[in-house]
């Protein structure tokens, strides 16, 4: 899967996702650090990359409706330390293939994963 990691994620996550076979770019690699969310999503969409972030604003389906981008995954770990983030992502990837979240808005919490799909009107 082609991914773009937001600037608020640890570098170790880039390494872990690459180890799992994903094609990973970061917001910082693209000189998009500090840019507004719509610009980041637009750049990711143009490159057919799913955005992974800690920024809850990306989960706003009014701003980023499912189907209007390659996918957005918002991580909501218990704390934002690297170990908590990596643990949350490992659990997600052990249970799901990222491809199933293509064009979706996904909120990942320690005990659940909420998915808004392009054709859904209800949360799953």
N, C-alpha and C. Protein backbone atom coordinates (compact mmCIF):
# COMPACT_ATOMS: atom_id res chain seq x y z
N UNK A 1 0.85 -1.18 0.00
CA UNK A 1 0.00 0.00 0.00
C UNK A 1 0.89 1.24 0.00
N UNK A 2 0.47 2.24 -0.72
CA UNK A 2 1.19 3.51 -0.76
C UNK A 2 0.68 4.40 0.37
N UNK A 3 1.59 4.85 1.23
CA UNK A 3 1.22 5.59 2.43
C UNK A 3 1.98 6.90 2.52
N UNK A 4 1.33 7.89 3.16
CA UNK A 4 1.99 9.14 3.52
C UNK A 4 1.77 9.34 5.00
N UNK A 5 2.87 9.38 5.76
CA UNK A 5 2.79 9.56 7.21
C UNK A 5 2.90 11.04 7.55
N UNK A 6 2.02 11.47 8.44
CA UNK A 6 2.02 12.85 8.89
C UNK A 6 3.26 13.13 9.73
N UNK A 7 3.57 14.38 9.89
CA UNK A 7 4.79 14.79 10.61
C UNK A 7 4.74 14.47 12.10
N UNK A 8 3.55 14.17 12.63
CA UNK A 8 3.42 13.92 14.07
C UNK A 8 3.67 12.46 14.46
N UNK A 9 4.11 11.65 13.51
CA UNK A 9 4.34 10.23 13.79
C UNK A 9 5.84 9.93 13.93
N UNK A 10 6.18 8.94 14.77
CA UNK A 10 7.60 8.63 14.98
C UNK A 10 8.24 7.97 13.75
N UNK A 11 9.52 8.22 13.58
CA UNK A 11 10.26 7.65 12.45
C UNK A 11 10.24 6.12 12.49
N UNK A 12 10.19 5.55 13.69
CA UNK A 12 10.14 4.08 13.80
C UNK A 12 8.93 3.50 13.08
N UNK A 13 7.84 4.26 13.00
CA UNK A 13 6.65 3.78 12.30
C UNK A 13 6.94 3.64 10.81
N UNK A 14 7.67 4.59 10.25
CA UNK A 14 8.06 4.49 8.84
C UNK A 14 8.82 3.19 8.60
N UNK A 15 9.78 2.92 9.47
CA UNK A 15 10.57 1.69 9.33
C UNK A 15 9.70 0.44 9.45
N UNK A 16 8.77 0.42 10.41
CA UNK A 16 7.90 -0.75 10.60
C UNK A 16 7.00 -0.98 9.39
N UNK A 17 6.43 0.08 8.86
CA UNK A 17 5.54 -0.06 7.71
C UNK A 17 6.32 -0.51 6.47
N UNK A 18 7.52 0.00 6.29
CA UNK A 18 8.35 -0.45 5.17
C UNK A 18 8.71 -1.92 5.35
N UNK A 19 9.02 -2.33 6.59
CA UNK A 19 9.34 -3.72 6.87
C UNK A 19 8.18 -4.63 6.49
N UNK A 20 6.97 -4.13 6.65
CA UNK A 20 5.77 -4.91 6.32
C UNK A 20 5.41 -4.81 4.83
N UNK A 21 6.28 -4.17 4.04
CA UNK A 21 6.09 -4.17 2.60
C UNK A 21 5.37 -2.97 2.02
N UNK A 22 5.12 -1.95 2.81
CA UNK A 22 4.41 -0.77 2.31
C UNK A 22 5.38 0.24 1.72
N UNK A 23 4.89 1.01 0.76
CA UNK A 23 5.64 2.10 0.13
C UNK A 23 5.31 3.36 0.93
N UNK A 24 6.27 3.87 1.69
CA UNK A 24 6.00 4.93 2.66
C UNK A 24 6.77 6.20 2.32
N UNK A 25 6.02 7.31 2.24
CA UNK A 25 6.58 8.66 2.19
C UNK A 25 6.11 9.37 3.44
N UNK A 26 6.79 10.44 3.79
CA UNK A 26 6.34 11.24 4.93
C UNK A 26 6.06 12.66 4.47
N UNK A 27 5.27 13.35 5.25
CA UNK A 27 4.97 14.75 4.99
C UNK A 27 6.28 15.54 4.94
N UNK A 28 7.20 15.22 5.82
CA UNK A 28 8.48 15.93 5.85
C UNK A 28 9.31 15.64 4.61
N UNK A 29 9.27 14.40 4.10
CA UNK A 29 9.98 14.06 2.86
C UNK A 29 9.52 14.94 1.70
N UNK A 30 8.25 15.30 1.73
CA UNK A 30 7.63 16.06 0.64
C UNK A 30 7.64 17.57 0.91
N UNK A 31 8.36 18.00 1.94
CA UNK A 31 8.39 19.42 2.33
C UNK A 31 6.99 19.98 2.59
N UNK A 32 6.15 19.17 3.22
CA UNK A 32 4.79 19.60 3.55
C UNK A 32 4.62 19.84 5.05
N UNK A 33 5.71 19.83 5.81
CA UNK A 33 5.63 20.06 7.24
C UNK A 33 5.00 21.41 7.54
N UNK A 34 4.04 21.41 8.46
CA UNK A 34 3.37 22.64 8.86
C UNK A 34 2.27 23.10 7.92
N UNK A 35 2.07 22.39 6.82
CA UNK A 35 1.02 22.79 5.87
C UNK A 35 -0.34 22.38 6.40
N UNK A 36 -1.37 23.04 5.94
CA UNK A 36 -2.74 22.77 6.38
C UNK A 36 -3.18 21.38 5.89
N UNK A 37 -4.10 20.79 6.67
CA UNK A 37 -4.57 19.43 6.39
C UNK A 37 -5.04 19.24 4.94
N UNK A 38 -5.86 20.15 4.38
CA UNK A 38 -6.32 19.93 3.00
C UNK A 38 -5.17 19.84 1.99
N UNK A 39 -4.10 20.56 2.23
CA UNK A 39 -2.96 20.51 1.32
C UNK A 39 -2.27 19.15 1.42
N UNK A 40 -2.16 18.63 2.64
CA UNK A 40 -1.55 17.31 2.85
C UNK A 40 -2.39 16.23 2.17
N UNK A 41 -3.71 16.28 2.37
CA UNK A 41 -4.59 15.28 1.75
C UNK A 41 -4.55 15.38 0.23
N UNK A 42 -4.53 16.59 -0.29
CA UNK A 42 -4.46 16.77 -1.74
C UNK A 42 -3.17 16.17 -2.31
N UNK A 43 -2.05 16.45 -1.65
CA UNK A 43 -0.77 15.90 -2.12
C UNK A 43 -0.77 14.38 -2.06
N UNK A 44 -1.32 13.82 -0.98
CA UNK A 44 -1.39 12.36 -0.85
C UNK A 44 -2.30 11.77 -1.92
N UNK A 45 -3.43 12.42 -2.18
CA UNK A 45 -4.38 11.94 -3.17
C UNK A 45 -3.76 11.96 -4.57
N UNK A 46 -3.05 13.04 -4.88
CA UNK A 46 -2.40 13.14 -6.19
C UNK A 46 -1.37 12.03 -6.40
N UNK A 47 -0.80 11.55 -5.31
CA UNK A 47 0.20 10.48 -5.37
C UNK A 47 -0.40 9.11 -5.03
N UNK A 48 -1.74 9.06 -4.90
CA UNK A 48 -2.48 7.84 -4.56
C UNK A 48 -1.93 7.20 -3.29
N UNK A 49 -1.77 8.02 -2.25
CA UNK A 49 -1.27 7.55 -0.96
C UNK A 49 -2.30 7.77 0.14
N UNK A 50 -2.44 6.77 1.00
CA UNK A 50 -3.29 6.86 2.18
C UNK A 50 -2.53 7.65 3.25
N UNK A 51 -3.22 8.58 3.91
CA UNK A 51 -2.61 9.38 4.97
C UNK A 51 -2.78 8.66 6.31
N UNK A 52 -1.71 8.59 7.09
CA UNK A 52 -1.78 8.09 8.46
C UNK A 52 -1.32 9.21 9.37
N UNK A 53 -2.11 9.51 10.41
CA UNK A 53 -1.85 10.67 11.25
C UNK A 53 -2.38 10.49 12.66
N UNK A 54 -1.93 11.35 13.55
CA UNK A 54 -2.51 11.46 14.90
C UNK A 54 -3.49 12.63 14.97
N UNK A 55 -3.53 13.44 13.94
CA UNK A 55 -4.33 14.67 13.91
C UNK A 55 -5.81 14.34 13.70
N UNK A 56 -6.61 14.59 14.72
CA UNK A 56 -8.04 14.25 14.67
C UNK A 56 -8.79 15.02 13.59
N UNK A 57 -8.27 16.17 13.18
CA UNK A 57 -8.93 16.96 12.15
C UNK A 57 -9.08 16.21 10.84
N UNK A 58 -8.17 15.30 10.55
CA UNK A 58 -8.26 14.51 9.32
C UNK A 58 -9.46 13.56 9.35
N UNK A 59 -9.99 13.28 10.52
CA UNK A 59 -11.12 12.37 10.65
C UNK A 59 -12.47 13.04 10.40
N UNK A 60 -12.47 14.33 10.12
CA UNK A 60 -13.72 15.08 9.88
C UNK A 60 -14.24 14.74 8.48
N UNK A 61 -15.31 13.96 8.42
CA UNK A 61 -15.82 13.51 7.12
C UNK A 61 -16.48 14.64 6.33
N UNK A 62 -16.77 15.76 6.98
CA UNK A 62 -17.28 16.91 6.22
C UNK A 62 -16.15 17.55 5.43
N UNK A 63 -14.97 17.57 6.00
CA UNK A 63 -13.81 18.14 5.31
C UNK A 63 -13.15 17.14 4.36
N UNK A 64 -13.15 15.88 4.75
CA UNK A 64 -12.48 14.82 3.98
C UNK A 64 -13.43 13.64 3.81
N UNK A 65 -14.49 13.80 3.00
CA UNK A 65 -15.47 12.72 2.87
C UNK A 65 -14.85 11.46 2.27
N UNK A 66 -15.29 10.30 2.77
CA UNK A 66 -14.82 9.04 2.19
C UNK A 66 -15.05 9.03 0.68
N UNK A 67 -14.07 8.54 -0.04
CA UNK A 67 -14.15 8.49 -1.49
C UNK A 67 -13.49 9.66 -2.18
N UNK A 68 -13.21 10.74 -1.45
CA UNK A 68 -12.60 11.93 -2.06
C UNK A 68 -11.08 11.90 -1.99
N UNK A 69 -10.52 10.84 -1.45
CA UNK A 69 -9.07 10.71 -1.26
C UNK A 69 -8.72 9.23 -1.27
N UNK A 70 -7.43 8.93 -1.19
CA UNK A 70 -6.98 7.53 -1.21
C UNK A 70 -7.22 6.80 0.10
N UNK A 71 -7.52 7.55 1.16
CA UNK A 71 -7.78 6.98 2.48
C UNK A 71 -7.11 7.81 3.55
N UNK A 72 -7.74 7.84 4.72
CA UNK A 72 -7.20 8.55 5.88
C UNK A 72 -7.34 7.63 7.08
N UNK A 73 -6.24 7.42 7.79
CA UNK A 73 -6.25 6.62 9.02
C UNK A 73 -5.79 7.54 10.15
N UNK A 74 -6.70 7.76 11.11
CA UNK A 74 -6.39 8.59 12.27
C UNK A 74 -6.14 7.67 13.45
N UNK A 75 -4.94 7.75 14.00
CA UNK A 75 -4.56 6.92 15.15
C UNK A 75 -4.89 7.66 16.43
N UNK A 76 -5.53 6.95 17.37
CA UNK A 76 -5.86 7.54 18.66
C UNK A 76 -5.35 6.63 19.77
N UNK A 77 -4.03 6.58 19.96
CA UNK A 77 -3.46 5.74 21.01
C UNK A 77 -3.76 6.32 22.39
N UNK A 78 -3.55 5.51 23.41
CA UNK A 78 -3.76 5.95 24.79
C UNK A 78 -2.88 7.16 25.09
N UNK A 79 -1.63 7.10 24.66
CA UNK A 79 -0.73 8.25 24.75
C UNK A 79 0.03 8.34 23.44
N UNK A 80 0.66 9.48 23.20
CA UNK A 80 1.30 9.68 21.90
C UNK A 80 2.80 9.37 21.91
N UNK A 81 3.22 8.53 22.84
CA UNK A 81 4.62 8.12 22.84
C UNK A 81 4.82 7.07 21.73
N UNK A 82 6.04 6.94 21.22
CA UNK A 82 6.29 6.01 20.11
C UNK A 82 5.85 4.57 20.37
N UNK A 83 6.05 4.06 21.57
CA UNK A 83 5.67 2.67 21.87
C UNK A 83 4.16 2.49 21.73
N UNK A 84 3.37 3.41 22.27
CA UNK A 84 1.91 3.32 22.17
C UNK A 84 1.45 3.39 20.72
N UNK A 85 2.06 4.26 19.95
CA UNK A 85 1.69 4.40 18.54
C UNK A 85 2.04 3.13 17.77
N UNK A 86 3.24 2.63 17.95
CA UNK A 86 3.64 1.40 17.24
C UNK A 86 2.80 0.21 17.65
N UNK A 87 2.45 0.11 18.92
CA UNK A 87 1.60 -0.99 19.40
C UNK A 87 0.23 -0.92 18.74
N UNK A 88 -0.34 0.28 18.66
CA UNK A 88 -1.65 0.46 18.05
C UNK A 88 -1.61 0.07 16.57
N UNK A 89 -0.59 0.50 15.86
CA UNK A 89 -0.48 0.18 14.44
C UNK A 89 -0.23 -1.32 14.24
N UNK A 90 0.60 -1.92 15.07
CA UNK A 90 0.83 -3.37 14.97
C UNK A 90 -0.47 -4.14 15.15
N UNK A 91 -1.28 -3.75 16.12
CA UNK A 91 -2.58 -4.42 16.32
C UNK A 91 -3.47 -4.26 15.10
N UNK A 92 -3.50 -3.05 14.55
CA UNK A 92 -4.31 -2.80 13.36
C UNK A 92 -3.86 -3.69 12.21
N UNK A 93 -2.56 -3.73 11.96
CA UNK A 93 -2.04 -4.48 10.82
C UNK A 93 -2.11 -5.99 11.03
N UNK A 94 -2.11 -6.43 12.27
CA UNK A 94 -2.28 -7.86 12.55
C UNK A 94 -3.72 -8.31 12.28
N UNK A 95 -4.67 -7.39 12.38
CA UNK A 95 -6.09 -7.72 12.23
C UNK A 95 -6.65 -7.34 10.85
N UNK A 96 -6.01 -6.42 10.16
CA UNK A 96 -6.56 -5.89 8.90
C UNK A 96 -5.46 -5.67 7.88
N UNK A 97 -5.85 -5.72 6.62
CA UNK A 97 -4.99 -5.27 5.52
C UNK A 97 -5.35 -3.82 5.25
N UNK A 98 -4.37 -2.96 5.10
CA UNK A 98 -4.67 -1.55 4.86
C UNK A 98 -5.47 -1.34 3.57
N UNK A 99 -5.32 -2.24 2.61
CA UNK A 99 -6.06 -2.12 1.35
C UNK A 99 -7.57 -2.10 1.58
N UNK A 100 -8.05 -2.74 2.63
CA UNK A 100 -9.50 -2.74 2.88
C UNK A 100 -10.00 -1.37 3.31
N UNK A 101 -9.09 -0.46 3.63
CA UNK A 101 -9.46 0.90 4.04
C UNK A 101 -9.26 1.92 2.93
N UNK A 102 -9.01 1.45 1.71
CA UNK A 102 -8.83 2.36 0.58
C UNK A 102 -10.05 3.26 0.43
N UNK A 103 -9.80 4.57 0.30
CA UNK A 103 -10.83 5.59 0.09
C UNK A 103 -11.74 5.80 1.30
N UNK A 104 -11.37 5.23 2.45
CA UNK A 104 -12.17 5.34 3.68
C UNK A 104 -11.55 6.33 4.65
N UNK A 105 -12.35 6.73 5.64
CA UNK A 105 -11.84 7.45 6.81
C UNK A 105 -11.91 6.46 7.96
N UNK A 106 -10.77 6.21 8.60
CA UNK A 106 -10.66 5.18 9.62
C UNK A 106 -10.13 5.82 10.90
N UNK A 107 -10.81 5.55 12.01
CA UNK A 107 -10.36 6.00 13.32
C UNK A 107 -9.95 4.75 14.09
N UNK A 108 -8.67 4.69 14.49
CA UNK A 108 -8.13 3.51 15.16
C UNK A 108 -7.89 3.84 16.62
N UNK A 109 -8.61 3.15 17.49
CA UNK A 109 -8.47 3.30 18.93
C UNK A 109 -7.99 1.97 19.50
N UNK A 110 -7.51 1.96 20.74
CA UNK A 110 -7.00 0.70 21.29
C UNK A 110 -8.00 -0.46 21.27
N UNK A 111 -9.28 -0.18 21.46
CA UNK A 111 -10.25 -1.28 21.55
C UNK A 111 -11.22 -1.37 20.37
N UNK A 112 -11.08 -0.47 19.39
CA UNK A 112 -11.98 -0.56 18.24
C UNK A 112 -11.42 0.20 17.05
N UNK A 113 -11.95 -0.16 15.89
CA UNK A 113 -11.63 0.51 14.64
C UNK A 113 -12.94 0.94 14.02
N UNK A 114 -13.09 2.25 13.80
CA UNK A 114 -14.30 2.78 13.16
C UNK A 114 -13.97 3.12 11.71
N UNK A 115 -14.83 2.68 10.81
CA UNK A 115 -14.57 2.87 9.38
C UNK A 115 -15.77 3.56 8.74
N UNK A 116 -15.49 4.64 8.02
CA UNK A 116 -16.51 5.28 7.19
C UNK A 116 -16.10 5.04 5.74
N UNK A 117 -16.94 4.32 5.04
CA UNK A 117 -16.66 3.96 3.65
C UNK A 117 -17.37 4.92 2.71
N UNK A 118 -16.91 5.01 1.45
CA UNK A 118 -17.55 5.94 0.51
C UNK A 118 -19.04 5.71 0.34
N UNK A 119 -19.49 4.47 0.44
CA UNK A 119 -20.90 4.17 0.21
C UNK A 119 -21.70 4.05 1.50
N UNK A 120 -21.10 4.34 2.65
CA UNK A 120 -21.79 4.23 3.94
C UNK A 120 -22.35 5.57 4.38
N UNK A 121 -23.49 5.51 5.01
CA UNK A 121 -24.05 6.68 5.68
C UNK A 121 -23.95 6.52 7.19
N UNK A 122 -23.70 5.30 7.63
CA UNK A 122 -23.61 4.99 9.07
C UNK A 122 -22.18 4.59 9.40
N UNK A 123 -21.77 4.81 10.65
CA UNK A 123 -20.46 4.34 11.09
C UNK A 123 -20.53 2.84 11.30
N UNK A 124 -19.41 2.17 11.05
CA UNK A 124 -19.34 0.73 11.30
C UNK A 124 -18.60 0.48 12.56
